[in-house]
């Protein structure tokens, strides 16, 4: 079963297991639908980092 998470920037649903765009911030992994959303997050991570939009850092 796919692990679906929300892109914290645009809100789209992303399959965390297949995501090519992700980053670690504050001990959590955030997944994105595209490079643009990842770059937007990295400019202001504190703005987008919310508990419901990540998976635990431990895989």
C-alpha atoms as a PDB file:
ATOM      1  CA  UNK A   1       0.000   0.000   0.000  1.00  0.00           C
ATOM      2  CA  UNK A   2       1.385   3.395  -1.010  1.00  0.00           C
ATOM      3  CA  UNK A   3       2.198   5.940   1.661  1.00  0.00           C
ATOM      4  CA  UNK A   4       0.421   9.093   0.541  1.00  0.00           C
ATOM      5  CA  UNK A   5       1.445  12.461   1.952  1.00  0.00           C
ATOM      6  CA  UNK A   6       0.614  16.050   1.018  1.00  0.00           C
ATOM      7  CA  UNK A   7       3.057  18.361  -0.668  1.00  0.00           C
ATOM      8  CA  UNK A   8       3.410  21.089   1.999  1.00  0.00           C
ATOM      9  CA  UNK A   9       3.618  23.842  -0.613  1.00  0.00           C
ATOM     10  CA  UNK A  10       0.777  23.126  -3.062  1.00  0.00           C
ATOM     11  CA  UNK A  11      -1.224  20.502  -1.149  1.00  0.00           C
ATOM     12  CA  UNK A  12      -1.131  17.837  -3.860  1.00  0.00           C
ATOM     13  CA  UNK A  13      -1.048  14.211  -2.792  1.00  0.00           C
ATOM     14  CA  UNK A  14       2.377  12.599  -3.266  1.00  0.00           C
ATOM     15  CA  UNK A  15       3.341   8.931  -3.040  1.00  0.00           C
ATOM     16  CA  UNK A  16       6.191   9.081  -0.496  1.00  0.00           C
ATOM     17  CA  UNK A  17       7.591   5.757  -1.676  1.00  0.00           C
ATOM     18  CA  UNK A  18       8.040   6.992  -5.266  1.00  0.00           C
ATOM     19  CA  UNK A  19       8.722  10.679  -4.688  1.00  0.00           C
ATOM     20  CA  UNK A  20      11.791  12.035  -6.469  1.00  0.00           C
ATOM     21  CA  UNK A  21      11.568  15.381  -4.709  1.00  0.00           C
ATOM     22  CA  UNK A  22      12.059  15.425  -0.935  1.00  0.00           C
ATOM     23  CA  UNK A  23      14.113  17.039   1.796  1.00  0.00           C
ATOM     24  CA  UNK A  24      14.776  16.660   5.497  1.00  0.00           C
ATOM     25  CA  UNK A  25      13.923  19.557   7.777  1.00  0.00           C
ATOM     26  CA  UNK A  26      13.655  19.579  11.549  1.00  0.00           C
ATOM     27  CA  UNK A  27      14.095  15.821  11.755  1.00  0.00           C
ATOM     28  CA  UNK A  28      11.239  15.149   9.313  1.00  0.00           C
ATOM     29  CA  UNK A  29      11.149  14.235   5.631  1.00  0.00           C
ATOM     30  CA  UNK A  30       8.954  16.365   3.358  1.00  0.00           C
ATOM     31  CA  UNK A  31       7.928  15.193  -0.122  1.00  0.00           C
ATOM     32  CA  UNK A  32       7.052  17.415  -3.083  1.00  0.00           C
ATOM     33  CA  UNK A  33       5.294  16.966  -6.416  1.00  0.00           C
ATOM     34  CA  UNK A  34       7.976  18.863  -8.362  1.00  0.00           C
ATOM     35  CA  UNK A  35      11.239  20.772  -8.176  1.00  0.00           C
ATOM     36  CA  UNK A  36       9.435  24.125  -7.975  1.00  0.00           C
ATOM     37  CA  UNK A  37       7.597  23.132  -4.780  1.00  0.00           C
ATOM     38  CA  UNK A  38      10.799  21.790  -3.216  1.00  0.00           C
ATOM     39  CA  UNK A  39      12.683  25.006  -4.031  1.00  0.00           C
ATOM     40  CA  UNK A  40       9.818  27.104  -2.654  1.00  0.00           C
ATOM     41  CA  UNK A  41       9.889  25.092   0.585  1.00  0.00           C
ATOM     42  CA  UNK A  42      13.663  25.449   0.918  1.00  0.00           C
ATOM     43  CA  UNK A  43      13.400  29.253   0.692  1.00  0.00           C
ATOM     44  CA  UNK A  44      11.034  29.405   3.708  1.00  0.00           C
ATOM     45  CA  UNK A  45      10.841  25.980   5.366  1.00  0.00           C
ATOM     46  CA  UNK A  46       9.379  27.319   8.614  1.00  0.00           C
ATOM     47  CA  UNK A  47       6.409  28.653   6.645  1.00  0.00           C
ATOM     48  CA  UNK A  48       5.529  25.267   5.135  1.00  0.00           C
ATOM     49  CA  UNK A  49       6.728  22.762   7.745  1.00  0.00           C
ATOM     50  CA  UNK A  50       3.611  21.423   9.428  1.00  0.00           C
ATOM     51  CA  UNK A  51       3.095  18.174  11.245  1.00  0.00           C
ATOM     52  CA  UNK A  52       0.516  16.751   8.820  1.00  0.00           C
ATOM     53  CA  UNK A  53       2.783  17.161   5.768  1.00  0.00           C
ATOM     54  CA  UNK A  54       5.711  14.927   6.646  1.00  0.00           C
ATOM     55  CA  UNK A  55       6.789  11.411   7.415  1.00  0.00           C
ATOM     56  CA  UNK A  56       9.057  10.433  10.263  1.00  0.00           C
ATOM     57  CA  UNK A  57      12.768  10.647   9.507  1.00  0.00           C
ATOM     58  CA  UNK A  58      13.267   6.983  10.392  1.00  0.00           C
ATOM     59  CA  UNK A  59      12.480   4.738   7.432  1.00  0.00           C
END
